[in-house]
Amino acid sequence: MSALVLALDPEHPSPVFLKWAAQELLDGGLVIYPTETLYGIAADAANPVALERLAALKGREPNKPFGLILSRPQEADDLAQEISPAARQLMARHWPGPLTLVLQAKSGLHPSLVHRGGVAMRCSPHPVAAGLALALGRAITATSANLSGQPAPDKAADLDPALVDGCEVLLDSGPTPGGTASTVVDARVEPPVVLRQGAIKI
């Protein structure tokens, strides 16, 4: 069964549709949604069954963890053991925005979210991505909406049909900006180290 397609205004997405999609996440479903760069797939970061289902759908390798989009900046404190003053400065300066911070993960996070002790997170400036996480009330996965090894799409028409069939909802807000992926910074060390130079220059 293919995903239910909901068309949204990218700047002013329907709160009703976002709430609908968030309920699907709460029920263990997967939701395709637009971000400030490309389309992604959301699973509830607190639902182990949904995370494992997402990994199976994508054909994801175990050593490639899912990044997260937070519902609010303060949620970082719920997921990280500690946040340095330098990391908090980066959050204040660049969130919401395409900056992914790797922080020391708290114990108990699902293995699909953790790599070498770190968990990667950002706050999205895209109204749909941010609104979906906010409607859920906690972090969603930020993995690109593609099967492993395939290109990540910037519009819903380019999504792999097999991927769409494996999700409950597709939030279609038209083409995304595309372009450079988020900058990734390891904020567990002092000073923080850029792991991937992206849309934000650090």
Protein backbone atom coordinates (compact mmCIF):
# COMPACT_ATOMS: atom_id res chain seq x y z
CA MET A 1 0.00 0.00 0.00
CA SER A 2 1.45 3.32 -1.08
CA ALA A 3 1.84 6.27 1.27
CA LEU A 4 -0.99 8.75 1.75
CA VAL A 5 0.10 11.92 -0.07
CA LEU A 6 -0.66 15.23 1.66
CA ALA A 7 0.13 18.44 -0.24
CA LEU A 8 1.43 21.25 1.97
CA ASP A 9 2.41 24.87 1.51
CA PRO A 10 6.17 24.87 2.19
CA GLU A 11 6.02 28.18 4.04
CA HIS A 12 2.73 27.71 5.91
CA PRO A 13 2.05 23.98 6.23
CA SER A 14 -1.34 22.87 7.47
CA PRO A 15 -1.23 22.17 11.23
CA VAL A 16 -3.93 19.54 10.68
CA PHE A 17 -1.77 17.63 8.17
CA LEU A 18 1.29 17.92 10.42
CA LYS A 19 -0.72 16.58 13.36
CA TRP A 20 -1.99 13.72 11.18
CA ALA A 21 1.55 12.81 10.14
CA ALA A 22 2.80 13.08 13.73
CA GLN A 23 0.11 10.64 14.84
CA GLU A 24 1.34 8.18 12.22
CA LEU A 25 4.83 8.52 13.71
CA LEU A 26 3.46 7.90 17.20
CA ASP A 27 1.82 4.75 15.86
CA GLY A 28 5.18 3.51 14.52
CA GLY A 29 4.75 4.73 10.95
CA LEU A 30 7.25 6.35 8.59
CA VAL A 31 6.74 9.78 7.00
CA ILE A 32 8.52 11.27 3.98
CA TYR A 33 8.95 15.02 4.38
CA PRO A 34 10.86 18.00 2.91
CA THR A 35 13.82 19.64 4.60
CA GLU A 36 15.91 22.74 3.87
CA THR A 37 17.99 20.63 1.46
CA LEU A 38 16.36 17.38 0.27
CA TYR A 39 13.48 15.05 1.14
CA GLY A 40 13.93 12.90 4.23
CA ILE A 41 12.20 10.06 6.06
CA ALA A 42 10.97 10.52 9.60
CA ALA A 43 10.62 7.85 12.23
CA ASP A 44 9.92 8.56 15.88
CA ALA A 45 13.42 8.59 17.42
CA ALA A 46 11.98 7.08 20.61
CA ASN A 47 10.39 4.09 18.83
CA PRO A 48 12.86 1.18 18.40
CA VAL A 49 10.52 -0.80 16.14
CA ALA A 50 10.06 2.17 13.79
CA LEU A 51 13.82 2.80 13.68
CA GLU A 52 14.53 -0.82 12.79
CA ARG A 53 11.83 -0.72 10.16
CA LEU A 54 13.38 2.41 8.65
CA ALA A 55 16.83 0.81 8.56
CA ALA A 56 15.41 -2.25 6.81
CA LEU A 57 13.48 -0.13 4.30
CA LYS A 58 16.54 1.86 3.32
CA GLY A 59 18.92 -1.10 3.32
CA ARG A 60 21.00 0.87 5.77
CA GLU A 61 24.36 -0.37 6.96
CA PRO A 62 24.60 -0.68 10.77
CA ASN A 63 27.61 1.67 10.94
CA LYS A 64 25.67 4.54 9.37
CA PRO A 65 23.50 6.04 12.12
CA PHE A 66 20.47 8.23 11.55
CA GLY A 67 20.82 11.93 12.29
CA LEU A 68 18.01 13.72 14.10
CA ILE A 69 15.93 16.86 13.68
CA LEU A 70 14.97 18.18 17.09
CA SER A 71 11.55 19.46 18.06
CA ARG A 72 13.25 22.38 19.84
CA PRO A 73 16.86 23.30 20.70
CA GLN A 74 16.40 22.39 24.37
CA GLU A 75 15.78 18.76 23.36
CA ALA A 76 19.54 18.41 22.86
CA ASP A 77 19.84 18.20 26.64
CA ASP A 78 17.56 15.15 26.64
CA LEU A 79 19.77 13.28 24.15
CA ALA A 80 23.32 14.36 25.01
CA GLN A 81 25.35 13.58 28.12
CA GLU A 82 26.87 17.03 28.13
CA ILE A 83 26.97 20.11 25.94
CA SER A 84 30.04 22.32 26.04
CA PRO A 85 29.87 26.12 26.04
CA ALA A 86 31.35 26.09 22.51
CA ALA A 87 28.59 23.74 21.33
CA ARG A 88 25.93 25.96 22.89
CA GLN A 89 27.41 28.96 21.09
CA LEU A 90 27.15 27.11 17.78
CA MET A 91 23.52 26.21 18.54
CA ALA A 92 22.66 29.81 19.40
CA ARG A 93 24.37 31.13 16.26
CA HIS A 94 23.22 28.59 13.67
CA TRP A 95 20.01 26.85 14.86
CA PRO A 96 17.63 26.57 13.21
CA GLY A 97 19.82 25.95 10.19
CA PRO A 98 21.87 23.35 8.28
CA LEU A 99 24.33 22.68 11.10
CA THR A 100 24.50 19.14 12.49
CA LEU A 101 26.25 18.76 15.83
CA VAL A 102 27.65 15.45 17.04
CA LEU A 103 27.36 15.23 20.83
CA GLN A 104 28.08 12.48 23.34
CA ALA A 105 24.96 10.31 23.39
CA LYS A 106 23.12 9.56 26.59
CA SER A 107 22.84 5.90 27.46
CA GLY A 108 19.68 4.19 26.30
CA LEU A 109 19.46 5.69 22.80
CA HIS A 110 18.74 3.18 20.05
CA PRO A 111 21.93 1.85 18.35
CA SER A 112 20.72 3.18 14.97
CA LEU A 113 21.12 6.72 16.33
CA VAL A 114 24.61 6.30 17.82
CA HIS A 115 28.03 5.94 16.19
CA ARG A 116 31.19 5.71 18.28
CA GLY A 117 29.30 7.15 21.21
CA GLY A 118 27.98 10.19 19.34
CA VAL A 119 24.51 11.27 18.31
CA ALA A 120 24.04 13.79 15.45
CA MET A 121 21.32 16.44 15.64
CA ARG A 122 20.13 19.72 14.22
CA CYS A 123 17.14 22.07 14.25
CA SER A 124 15.67 22.51 10.77
CA PRO A 125 14.65 25.93 9.42
CA HIS A 126 12.17 24.28 7.01
CA PRO A 127 8.59 24.90 8.24
CA VAL A 128 7.46 21.35 7.39
CA ALA A 129 10.44 19.54 8.92
CA ALA A 130 10.40 21.72 12.03
CA GLY A 131 6.61 21.56 12.27
CA LEU A 132 6.56 17.77 12.05
CA ALA A 133 9.06 17.37 14.89
CA LEU A 134 7.18 19.95 16.96
CA ALA A 135 3.84 18.21 16.33
CA LEU A 136 5.38 14.92 17.48
CA GLY A 137 6.92 16.63 20.49
CA ARG A 138 10.34 15.00 20.11
CA ALA A 139 13.11 14.27 17.62
CA ILE A 140 12.53 12.68 14.23
CA THR A 141 15.08 10.95 12.02
CA ALA A 142 16.68 13.08 9.32
CA THR A 143 17.86 10.39 6.92
CA SER A 144 17.51 11.15 3.20
CA ALA A 145 14.52 9.68 1.33
CA ASN A 146 16.42 7.23 -0.83
CA LEU A 147 17.36 3.58 -0.88
CA SER A 148 20.98 2.87 0.04
CA GLY A 149 23.29 3.82 -2.82
CA GLN A 150 20.69 5.83 -4.73
CA PRO A 151 20.66 9.63 -5.10
CA ALA A 152 18.63 11.65 -2.62
CA PRO A 153 15.68 13.44 -4.27
CA ASP A 154 14.80 17.12 -4.02
CA LYS A 155 11.21 16.59 -5.18
CA ALA A 156 8.52 14.03 -4.49
CA ALA A 157 8.22 12.98 -8.14
CA ASP A 158 11.76 11.55 -8.00
CA LEU A 159 11.12 9.32 -4.97
CA ASP A 160 11.62 5.59 -5.50
CA PRO A 161 8.14 3.97 -5.63
CA ALA A 162 9.37 1.13 -3.41
CA LEU A 163 10.33 3.67 -0.78
CA VAL A 164 6.96 5.42 -0.97
CA ASP A 165 5.20 2.07 -0.68
CA GLY A 166 7.10 1.42 2.55
CA CYS A 167 5.92 4.62 4.25
CA GLU A 168 2.58 5.70 5.65
CA VAL A 169 2.57 9.39 4.68
CA LEU A 170 4.27 11.58 2.07
CA LEU A 171 4.25 15.29 2.88
CA ASP A 172 4.68 16.91 -0.53
CA SER A 173 5.50 20.61 -0.49
CA GLY A 174 7.03 20.76 -3.95
CA PRO A 175 10.74 21.00 -4.77
CA THR A 176 13.18 21.53 -1.92
CA PRO A 177 16.14 23.92 -2.21
CA GLY A 178 18.57 21.04 -2.74
CA GLY A 179 22.17 22.13 -2.78
CA THR A 180 24.81 21.51 -0.16
CA ALA A 181 24.07 19.23 2.77
CA SER A 182 24.37 20.41 6.36
CA THR A 183 27.73 21.10 7.90
CA VAL A 184 28.65 18.42 10.45
CA VAL A 185 30.68 19.37 13.52
CA ASP A 186 31.98 17.09 16.27
CA ALA A 187 31.18 19.17 19.35
CA ARG A 188 32.44 16.54 21.80
CA VAL A 189 35.95 17.92 21.53
CA GLU A 190 37.41 21.33 22.37
CA PRO A 191 37.56 23.17 20.09
CA PRO A 192 34.83 21.57 17.95
CA VAL A 193 36.04 19.90 14.74
CA VAL A 194 34.35 20.13 11.33
CA LEU A 195 33.71 16.61 10.02
CA ARG A 196 31.93 17.74 6.84
CA GLN A 197 31.98 21.25 5.44
CA GLY A 198 28.50 22.01 4.13
CA ALA A 199 26.00 24.83 3.82
CA ILE A 200 27.34 26.69 6.87
CA LYS A 201 31.01 27.70 6.94
CA ILE A 202 32.56 27.05 10.35
